[in-house]
Protein backbone atom coordinates (compact mmCIF):
# COMPACT_ATOMS: atom_id res chain seq x y z
CA MET A 1 -53.74 -37.31 -35.46
CA ASP A 2 -53.53 -33.72 -36.73
CA GLU A 3 -54.61 -32.18 -33.22
CA GLU A 4 -51.69 -34.11 -31.75
CA LEU A 5 -49.41 -32.89 -34.01
CA GLU A 6 -50.56 -29.20 -33.28
CA LYS A 7 -50.59 -29.66 -29.64
CA LEU A 8 -46.72 -30.83 -30.03
CA ARG A 9 -46.16 -28.24 -32.12
CA LYS A 10 -47.43 -25.46 -29.84
CA LYS A 11 -45.81 -27.12 -26.48
CA ARG A 12 -42.39 -27.17 -28.64
CA LEU A 13 -42.72 -23.60 -29.54
CA LYS A 14 -43.76 -22.79 -25.94
CA GLU A 15 -40.47 -24.44 -24.51
CA MET A 16 -38.46 -22.56 -27.43
CA GLN A 17 -39.92 -19.52 -26.08
CA GLN A 18 -39.52 -20.10 -22.46
CA GLN A 19 -35.91 -21.14 -23.45
CA GLU A 20 -35.06 -18.04 -25.25
CA ALA A 21 -35.99 -15.87 -22.38
CA PHE A 22 -34.09 -17.61 -19.95
CA GLN A 23 -31.15 -16.93 -22.06
CA GLU A 24 -32.06 -13.24 -22.60
CA SER A 25 -32.00 -13.00 -18.73
CA MET A 26 -28.88 -14.78 -18.34
CA GLU A 27 -27.18 -12.77 -20.66
CA GLU A 28 -28.67 -9.29 -18.76
CA GLN A 29 -27.25 -10.89 -15.15
CA GLU A 30 -23.94 -11.64 -17.07
CA GLU A 31 -24.09 -7.78 -18.13
CA GLN A 32 -24.71 -6.54 -14.68
CA ASN A 33 -21.95 -8.62 -12.86
CA LYS A 34 -19.63 -7.18 -15.87
CA GLN A 35 -20.89 -3.83 -14.52
CA PHE A 36 -20.81 -4.80 -10.86
CA GLU A 37 -17.16 -6.07 -11.04
CA GLU A 38 -15.93 -3.23 -13.09
CA GLN A 39 -17.32 -0.26 -10.90
CA LYS A 40 -16.01 -2.31 -8.24
CA LYS A 41 -12.48 -2.11 -9.66
CA GLN A 42 -12.32 1.57 -10.11
CA ILE A 43 -13.69 1.90 -6.53
CA LEU A 44 -10.65 -0.09 -5.26
CA ARG A 45 -8.29 1.83 -7.90
CA SER A 46 -8.72 4.80 -5.99
CA ILE A 47 -9.03 3.51 -2.40
CA LEU A 48 -5.72 1.20 -2.87
CA THR A 49 -1.84 2.11 -3.74
CA PRO A 50 -0.48 0.12 -6.63
CA LYS A 51 1.53 -1.99 -3.88
CA ALA A 52 -1.88 -2.75 -1.95
CA ARG A 53 -3.81 -3.75 -5.29
CA GLU A 54 -0.95 -5.64 -6.31
CA ARG A 55 -0.80 -7.86 -2.89
CA LEU A 56 -4.64 -7.85 -3.15
CA GLY A 57 -4.32 -9.63 -6.18
CA ARG A 58 -1.85 -12.38 -5.06
CA ILE A 59 -3.74 -13.48 -2.23
CA ARG A 60 -6.94 -13.32 -4.24
CA VAL A 61 -5.10 -16.80 -6.30
CA ALA A 62 -4.60 -18.43 -2.73
CA ARG A 63 -7.87 -17.09 -1.12
CA PRO A 64 -10.91 -15.71 -3.04
CA LYS A 65 -13.28 -15.34 -0.52
CA ILE A 66 -11.14 -13.57 2.07
CA VAL A 67 -10.05 -11.15 -0.35
CA GLU A 68 -13.90 -10.81 -1.55
CA ASN A 69 -14.63 -10.08 2.16
CA ILE A 70 -11.81 -7.39 2.53
CA GLU A 71 -12.66 -5.51 -0.85
CA ASN A 72 -16.62 -5.38 0.03
CA GLN A 73 -15.41 -4.01 3.41
CA LEU A 74 -13.02 -1.15 2.30
CA ILE A 75 -15.72 0.10 -0.49
CA MET A 76 -18.17 0.34 2.39
CA VAL A 77 -15.74 1.89 3.90
CA ALA A 78 -15.24 4.42 1.57
CA GLN A 79 -18.83 4.66 0.53
CA ASN A 80 -19.27 6.11 4.35
CA GLY A 81 -16.62 8.44 3.84
CA GLN A 82 -14.62 7.20 6.77
CA LEU A 83 -11.61 6.59 4.47
CA LYS A 84 -9.54 9.91 4.70
CA ASN A 85 -6.19 8.28 2.62
CA LYS A 86 -5.54 5.81 0.56
CA ILE A 87 -5.01 2.57 2.04
CA ASP A 88 -0.95 1.56 1.33
CA ASP A 89 0.33 -1.78 1.21
CA GLU A 90 1.10 -1.91 5.40
CA GLN A 91 -2.43 -1.07 6.00
CA LEU A 92 -3.57 -3.68 3.74
CA ARG A 93 -1.49 -6.26 5.73
CA MET A 94 -2.97 -5.22 8.95
CA LEU A 95 -6.52 -5.71 7.40
CA LEU A 96 -5.26 -9.23 6.11
CA SER A 97 -3.37 -10.29 9.28
CA LYS A 98 -7.07 -9.94 11.15
CA ALA A 99 -8.92 -11.49 8.50
CA ILE A 100 -6.85 -14.52 7.73
CA PRO A 101 -6.68 -17.08 10.13
CA LYS A 102 -3.96 -18.01 12.56
CA LYS A 103 -2.32 -21.48 11.34
CA ARG A 104 -2.08 -24.27 13.95
CA ASP A 105 0.56 -26.40 14.24
CA TYR A 106 -0.22 -30.14 14.37
CA LYS A 107 2.42 -32.73 15.97
CA ILE A 108 2.19 -36.41 15.23
CA LYS A 109 3.44 -38.42 17.53
CA ARG A 110 4.41 -42.24 16.88
CA ARG A 111 4.16 -44.64 19.61
């Protein structure tokens, strides 16, 4: 009886240790994600004009994946040194027009 109880205690202790390790790794991952997002925001602040950042923020509400892709492309271009000036609203609109798929008109004919 005591052996079974001791086995259960050891098993429970091991489970608790694993759970603590998992929580610590999740906290570290969250911290890394926060740091990454902060760095990303800093880079975008340096390569976009205020109006362009505002437009990107508004579009993020409707199409977050497209904005994420454009942000990543802009950061890569900036890191490669291919960007000479800040991207203004007009240039961002051109990039967005290429990235956002065209709307299709559907006509329903009733008989």
